[in-house]
Amino acid sequence: MKRISPTKFQLKVWKYLKTIPKGKVETYKQVAIGIKSPKSARAVANACAKNPYAPKIPCHRVIKSNGALGGYSGKGGIKEKLRLLRSEKVVI
C-alpha cells in the first residue's frame, strides 16, 4: 500500500496539536484560529482524521465547539479518545 504524503496544511495542524498541553482540550475552531486560518475548522477536523501518529500527535485533545468529542483516527476510535482524555483528567 502506497503511503500518501501529508499536505502542508496537515503538517501545520499536527505541529500545532503538539502544543496543546496534557489535560487540556481545544475545539477544531480554536485550532484553526491558532494556525492563523480561522475559517478552516472543518479542514482542521479532516487533518485530525488523517493523523497517522495518534496519540503521539494528540488529536484526541481536539473536540467540537458544542462539547461533543468529534472523531478519533487512532486505534480504538472514539472509545479510546474518551479513555485518553479521562486518563489526562479532562472532565467530559
Protein backbone atom coordinates (compact mmCIF):
# COMPACT_ATOMS: atom_id res chain seq x y z
CA MET A 1 0.00 0.00 0.00
CA LYS A 2 1.40 3.38 -1.01
CA ARG A 3 1.58 5.97 1.75
CA ILE A 4 0.34 9.42 0.73
CA SER A 5 2.49 12.33 1.87
CA PRO A 6 0.80 14.77 4.24
CA THR A 7 -0.11 18.22 2.96
CA LYS A 8 1.46 21.40 4.29
CA PHE A 9 -1.86 22.17 5.98
CA GLN A 10 -1.95 18.78 7.72
CA LEU A 11 1.63 19.24 8.92
CA LYS A 12 0.77 22.70 10.26
CA VAL A 13 -2.24 21.28 12.16
CA TRP A 14 -0.26 18.33 13.54
CA LYS A 15 2.54 20.62 14.70
CA TYR A 16 0.00 22.82 16.49
CA LEU A 17 -1.65 19.80 18.15
CA LYS A 18 1.65 19.01 19.87
CA THR A 19 1.38 22.37 21.69
CA ILE A 20 -1.93 21.50 23.39
CA PRO A 21 -0.93 20.54 26.95
CA LYS A 22 -1.84 17.24 28.52
CA GLY A 23 -5.13 17.59 30.38
CA LYS A 24 -6.40 20.40 28.14
CA VAL A 25 -8.66 20.39 25.10
CA GLU A 26 -9.28 22.85 22.29
CA THR A 27 -12.01 22.96 19.70
CA TYR A 28 -11.42 22.50 15.99
CA LYS A 29 -12.20 26.22 15.63
CA GLN A 30 -9.63 27.17 18.29
CA VAL A 31 -7.02 25.12 16.45
CA ALA A 32 -7.99 26.82 13.17
CA ILE A 33 -7.52 30.21 14.83
CA GLY A 34 -4.24 29.02 16.36
CA ILE A 35 -2.80 28.18 12.95
CA LYS A 36 -3.94 31.57 11.58
CA SER A 37 -6.65 30.02 9.39
CA PRO A 38 -9.82 30.91 11.33
CA LYS A 39 -12.33 29.73 8.72
CA SER A 40 -10.82 26.26 8.40
CA ALA A 41 -12.31 24.37 11.37
CA ARG A 42 -13.69 21.64 9.09
CA ALA A 43 -10.30 21.27 7.37
CA VAL A 44 -8.68 21.00 10.82
CA ALA A 45 -11.09 18.16 11.65
CA ASN A 46 -10.14 16.44 8.39
CA ALA A 47 -6.43 16.86 9.16
CA CYS A 48 -7.01 15.32 12.60
CA ALA A 49 -8.83 12.41 10.95
CA LYS A 50 -5.78 11.77 8.74
CA ASN A 51 -3.30 11.83 11.66
CA PRO A 52 -1.39 8.53 11.45
CA TYR A 53 0.58 9.30 14.64
CA ALA A 54 -2.23 9.31 17.23
CA PRO A 55 -1.89 9.53 20.20
CA LYS A 56 1.73 10.74 19.88
CA ILE A 57 0.36 13.73 17.99
CA PRO A 58 -2.55 14.35 20.37
CA CYS A 59 -5.55 14.85 18.10
CA HIS A 60 -7.59 13.34 20.95
CA ARG A 61 -7.30 16.75 22.66
CA VAL A 62 -9.46 18.40 19.98
CA ILE A 63 -13.24 18.45 20.38
CA LYS A 64 -16.26 20.01 18.70
CA SER A 65 -17.44 23.51 19.66
CA ASN A 66 -20.63 22.04 21.16
CA GLY A 67 -18.59 19.93 23.59
CA ALA A 68 -19.07 16.66 21.69
CA LEU A 69 -15.98 14.53 21.23
CA GLY A 70 -15.93 14.51 17.43
CA GLY A 71 -13.98 11.66 15.87
CA TYR A 72 -10.71 9.87 16.58
CA SER A 73 -8.42 8.37 13.97
CA GLY A 74 -6.35 6.33 16.42
CA LYS A 75 -6.76 2.67 17.19
CA GLY A 76 -9.89 2.09 19.24
CA GLY A 77 -11.80 5.04 17.80
CA ILE A 78 -13.99 7.28 19.93
CA LYS A 79 -13.87 4.95 22.97
CA GLU A 80 -10.10 5.31 23.02
CA LYS A 81 -10.37 9.10 22.66
CA LEU A 82 -12.61 9.18 25.72
CA ARG A 83 -10.25 6.89 27.65
CA LEU A 84 -7.22 9.05 26.76
CA LEU A 85 -8.96 12.26 27.81
CA ARG A 86 -10.11 10.73 31.10
CA SER A 87 -6.58 9.44 31.76
CA GLU A 88 -5.39 13.06 31.37
CA LYS A 89 -8.04 14.15 33.92
CA VAL A 90 -10.14 16.04 31.35
CA VAL A 91 -13.72 16.33 32.58
CA ILE A 92 -16.03 15.11 29.80
